[in-house]
N, C-alpha and C. Protein backbone atom coordinates (compact mmCIF):
# COMPACT_ATOMS: atom_id res chain seq x y z
N MET A 1 -17.90 -3.60 -48.22
CA MET A 1 -17.21 -3.35 -46.99
C MET A 1 -17.93 -2.23 -46.24
N PRO A 2 -18.16 -2.40 -44.92
CA PRO A 2 -18.88 -1.36 -44.18
C PRO A 2 -18.03 -0.10 -44.02
N GLU A 3 -18.73 1.02 -43.90
CA GLU A 3 -18.04 2.29 -43.71
C GLU A 3 -17.56 2.41 -42.27
N LEU A 4 -16.50 3.17 -42.10
CA LEU A 4 -15.99 3.45 -40.77
C LEU A 4 -16.91 4.48 -40.12
N ALA A 5 -17.34 4.21 -38.88
CA ALA A 5 -18.21 5.14 -38.18
C ALA A 5 -17.53 5.61 -36.90
N PHE A 6 -17.78 6.84 -36.54
CA PHE A 6 -17.23 7.40 -35.32
C PHE A 6 -18.34 7.63 -34.32
N PHE A 7 -18.10 7.23 -33.07
CA PHE A 7 -19.07 7.40 -32.00
C PHE A 7 -18.36 7.96 -30.78
N THR A 8 -19.11 8.66 -29.95
CA THR A 8 -18.54 9.15 -28.70
C THR A 8 -18.51 7.99 -27.70
N ALA A 9 -17.73 8.17 -26.65
CA ALA A 9 -17.67 7.15 -25.60
C ALA A 9 -19.07 6.94 -25.00
N GLN A 10 -19.81 8.02 -24.80
CA GLN A 10 -21.15 7.91 -24.23
C GLN A 10 -22.08 7.10 -25.13
N GLU A 11 -21.98 7.28 -26.43
CA GLU A 11 -22.81 6.52 -27.37
C GLU A 11 -22.46 5.04 -27.33
N LEU A 12 -21.17 4.72 -27.24
CA LEU A 12 -20.75 3.33 -27.17
C LEU A 12 -21.21 2.67 -25.86
N ILE A 13 -21.11 3.39 -24.76
CA ILE A 13 -21.57 2.86 -23.47
C ILE A 13 -23.07 2.64 -23.51
N ALA A 14 -23.82 3.60 -24.05
CA ALA A 14 -25.28 3.46 -24.15
C ALA A 14 -25.65 2.23 -24.99
N GLU A 15 -24.92 1.99 -26.06
CA GLU A 15 -25.19 0.81 -26.89
C GLU A 15 -24.94 -0.47 -26.12
N LEU A 16 -23.85 -0.55 -25.38
CA LEU A 16 -23.59 -1.73 -24.56
C LEU A 16 -24.69 -1.95 -23.52
N MET A 17 -25.14 -0.89 -22.90
CA MET A 17 -26.16 -1.00 -21.85
C MET A 17 -27.50 -1.47 -22.42
N ARG A 18 -27.76 -1.19 -23.68
CA ARG A 18 -29.00 -1.65 -24.33
C ARG A 18 -28.97 -3.13 -24.69
N ARG A 19 -27.80 -3.69 -24.86
CA ARG A 19 -27.68 -5.06 -25.35
C ARG A 19 -28.02 -6.09 -24.29
N LYS A 20 -28.91 -7.00 -24.63
CA LYS A 20 -29.32 -8.06 -23.69
C LYS A 20 -28.22 -9.09 -23.51
N THR A 21 -27.24 -9.11 -24.42
CA THR A 21 -26.16 -10.09 -24.34
C THR A 21 -24.96 -9.57 -23.55
N PHE A 22 -25.00 -8.32 -23.10
CA PHE A 22 -23.87 -7.74 -22.38
C PHE A 22 -24.01 -8.02 -20.89
N TYR A 23 -23.08 -8.78 -20.35
CA TYR A 23 -23.00 -9.05 -18.91
C TYR A 23 -21.66 -8.52 -18.44
N GLY A 24 -21.64 -7.31 -18.01
CA GLY A 24 -20.38 -6.73 -17.58
C GLY A 24 -20.58 -5.36 -17.00
N VAL A 25 -19.47 -4.71 -16.74
CA VAL A 25 -19.44 -3.39 -16.12
C VAL A 25 -18.52 -2.52 -16.96
N VAL A 26 -18.91 -1.28 -17.17
CA VAL A 26 -18.07 -0.32 -17.86
C VAL A 26 -17.65 0.73 -16.84
N VAL A 27 -16.34 0.93 -16.71
CA VAL A 27 -15.79 1.94 -15.82
C VAL A 27 -15.04 2.93 -16.70
N HIS A 28 -15.36 4.21 -16.54
CA HIS A 28 -14.66 5.22 -17.34
C HIS A 28 -14.47 6.49 -16.53
N ALA A 29 -13.47 7.27 -16.90
CA ALA A 29 -13.20 8.53 -16.23
C ALA A 29 -14.38 9.47 -16.44
N GLU A 30 -14.73 10.20 -15.38
CA GLU A 30 -15.84 11.13 -15.46
C GLU A 30 -15.56 12.21 -16.50
N ASP A 31 -14.32 12.69 -16.54
CA ASP A 31 -13.92 13.70 -17.52
C ASP A 31 -13.05 13.05 -18.59
N ASP A 32 -13.06 13.62 -19.78
CA ASP A 32 -12.17 13.13 -20.82
C ASP A 32 -10.73 13.32 -20.38
N HIS A 33 -9.90 12.35 -20.69
CA HIS A 33 -8.48 12.41 -20.33
C HIS A 33 -7.67 12.60 -21.60
N LYS A 34 -7.04 13.74 -21.70
CA LYS A 34 -6.29 14.02 -22.92
C LYS A 34 -4.84 14.38 -22.63
N ARG A 35 -4.39 14.10 -21.41
CA ARG A 35 -3.00 14.38 -21.04
C ARG A 35 -2.29 13.05 -20.78
N GLU A 36 -0.96 13.07 -20.83
CA GLU A 36 -0.20 11.85 -20.58
C GLU A 36 -0.28 11.42 -19.12
N ALA A 37 -0.18 12.37 -18.20
CA ALA A 37 -0.19 12.04 -16.77
C ALA A 37 -1.55 12.38 -16.16
N TRP A 38 -2.00 11.52 -15.29
CA TRP A 38 -3.25 11.78 -14.57
C TRP A 38 -2.96 12.62 -13.35
N PRO A 39 -3.92 13.48 -12.97
CA PRO A 39 -3.76 14.18 -11.70
C PRO A 39 -3.86 13.18 -10.54
N ASP A 40 -3.57 13.63 -9.33
CA ASP A 40 -3.57 12.72 -8.17
C ASP A 40 -4.90 12.02 -7.96
N GLU A 41 -6.00 12.70 -8.19
CA GLU A 41 -7.32 12.09 -7.98
C GLU A 41 -8.11 12.10 -9.27
N ARG A 42 -8.87 11.04 -9.47
CA ARG A 42 -9.75 10.94 -10.64
C ARG A 42 -11.12 10.49 -10.18
N MET A 43 -12.15 10.96 -10.83
CA MET A 43 -13.51 10.51 -10.57
C MET A 43 -13.89 9.57 -11.71
N PHE A 44 -14.54 8.46 -11.35
CA PHE A 44 -14.94 7.48 -12.35
C PHE A 44 -16.44 7.24 -12.28
N LYS A 45 -16.99 6.80 -13.39
CA LYS A 45 -18.40 6.40 -13.45
C LYS A 45 -18.44 4.91 -13.75
N VAL A 46 -19.41 4.25 -13.17
CA VAL A 46 -19.60 2.81 -13.37
C VAL A 46 -20.98 2.61 -13.96
N HIS A 47 -21.05 1.82 -15.03
CA HIS A 47 -22.32 1.52 -15.68
C HIS A 47 -22.52 0.00 -15.71
N TYR A 48 -23.73 -0.43 -15.44
CA TYR A 48 -24.12 -1.82 -15.65
C TYR A 48 -25.59 -1.82 -16.02
N ASN A 49 -26.02 -2.83 -16.77
CA ASN A 49 -27.41 -2.85 -17.22
C ASN A 49 -28.25 -3.83 -16.40
N ARG A 50 -29.46 -4.10 -16.85
CA ARG A 50 -30.39 -4.96 -16.11
C ARG A 50 -29.94 -6.42 -16.04
N ASN A 51 -28.95 -6.79 -16.80
CA ASN A 51 -28.47 -8.17 -16.75
C ASN A 51 -27.75 -8.48 -15.44
N LEU A 52 -27.29 -7.44 -14.74
CA LEU A 52 -26.65 -7.60 -13.44
C LEU A 52 -27.36 -6.70 -12.44
N ASP A 53 -27.50 -7.17 -11.20
CA ASP A 53 -27.99 -6.27 -10.17
C ASP A 53 -26.78 -5.62 -9.50
N SER A 54 -27.01 -4.71 -8.58
CA SER A 54 -25.88 -3.96 -8.00
C SER A 54 -24.94 -4.88 -7.23
N ALA A 55 -25.46 -5.92 -6.57
CA ALA A 55 -24.59 -6.85 -5.83
C ALA A 55 -23.70 -7.63 -6.79
N GLN A 56 -24.25 -8.08 -7.91
CA GLN A 56 -23.46 -8.81 -8.90
C GLN A 56 -22.39 -7.91 -9.52
N ALA A 57 -22.75 -6.68 -9.84
CA ALA A 57 -21.78 -5.73 -10.41
C ALA A 57 -20.67 -5.45 -9.40
N SER A 58 -21.02 -5.31 -8.14
CA SER A 58 -20.03 -5.07 -7.09
C SER A 58 -19.07 -6.25 -6.95
N ARG A 59 -19.61 -7.48 -6.97
CA ARG A 59 -18.74 -8.67 -6.88
C ARG A 59 -17.81 -8.75 -8.08
N LEU A 60 -18.31 -8.42 -9.26
CA LEU A 60 -17.48 -8.43 -10.46
C LEU A 60 -16.33 -7.44 -10.32
N LEU A 61 -16.63 -6.23 -9.85
CA LEU A 61 -15.58 -5.23 -9.67
C LEU A 61 -14.58 -5.66 -8.61
N ASP A 62 -15.06 -6.29 -7.52
CA ASP A 62 -14.14 -6.81 -6.49
C ASP A 62 -13.21 -7.87 -7.07
N THR A 63 -13.75 -8.75 -7.90
CA THR A 63 -12.95 -9.81 -8.52
C THR A 63 -11.89 -9.21 -9.44
N VAL A 64 -12.25 -8.21 -10.21
CA VAL A 64 -11.29 -7.55 -11.10
C VAL A 64 -10.20 -6.87 -10.28
N ALA A 65 -10.59 -6.16 -9.21
CA ALA A 65 -9.62 -5.48 -8.36
C ALA A 65 -8.65 -6.48 -7.73
N GLU A 66 -9.18 -7.60 -7.26
CA GLU A 66 -8.33 -8.64 -6.67
C GLU A 66 -7.35 -9.19 -7.70
N TYR A 67 -7.83 -9.45 -8.91
CA TYR A 67 -6.98 -9.96 -9.98
C TYR A 67 -5.87 -8.95 -10.30
N MET A 68 -6.23 -7.67 -10.34
CA MET A 68 -5.22 -6.64 -10.64
C MET A 68 -4.18 -6.57 -9.53
N ASP A 69 -4.61 -6.70 -8.27
CA ASP A 69 -3.66 -6.68 -7.16
C ASP A 69 -2.68 -7.84 -7.26
N ILE A 70 -3.19 -9.01 -7.56
CA ILE A 70 -2.35 -10.22 -7.63
C ILE A 70 -1.36 -10.13 -8.79
N HIS A 71 -1.81 -9.59 -9.93
CA HIS A 71 -0.98 -9.60 -11.13
C HIS A 71 -0.24 -8.29 -11.38
N SER A 72 -0.23 -7.38 -10.43
CA SER A 72 0.44 -6.10 -10.65
C SER A 72 1.91 -6.14 -10.27
N GLU A 73 2.36 -7.22 -9.72
CA GLU A 73 3.76 -7.32 -9.27
C GLU A 73 4.70 -7.57 -10.41
């Protein structure tokens, strides 16, 4: 049985970005969030690798945002 390994969020994101099979976007808070409530404003970072260009990543994020708007009711 494999051992349990611990990685930081940055290490996990870097691993995804290296993978040729990853076609997606990673969005995460710029700062670690360790409180129950978020402040009014948050800064986010978006990562995508060479499998998508910026236009494709943007369309993917638009599609996700539209889906969230439709299904948030």
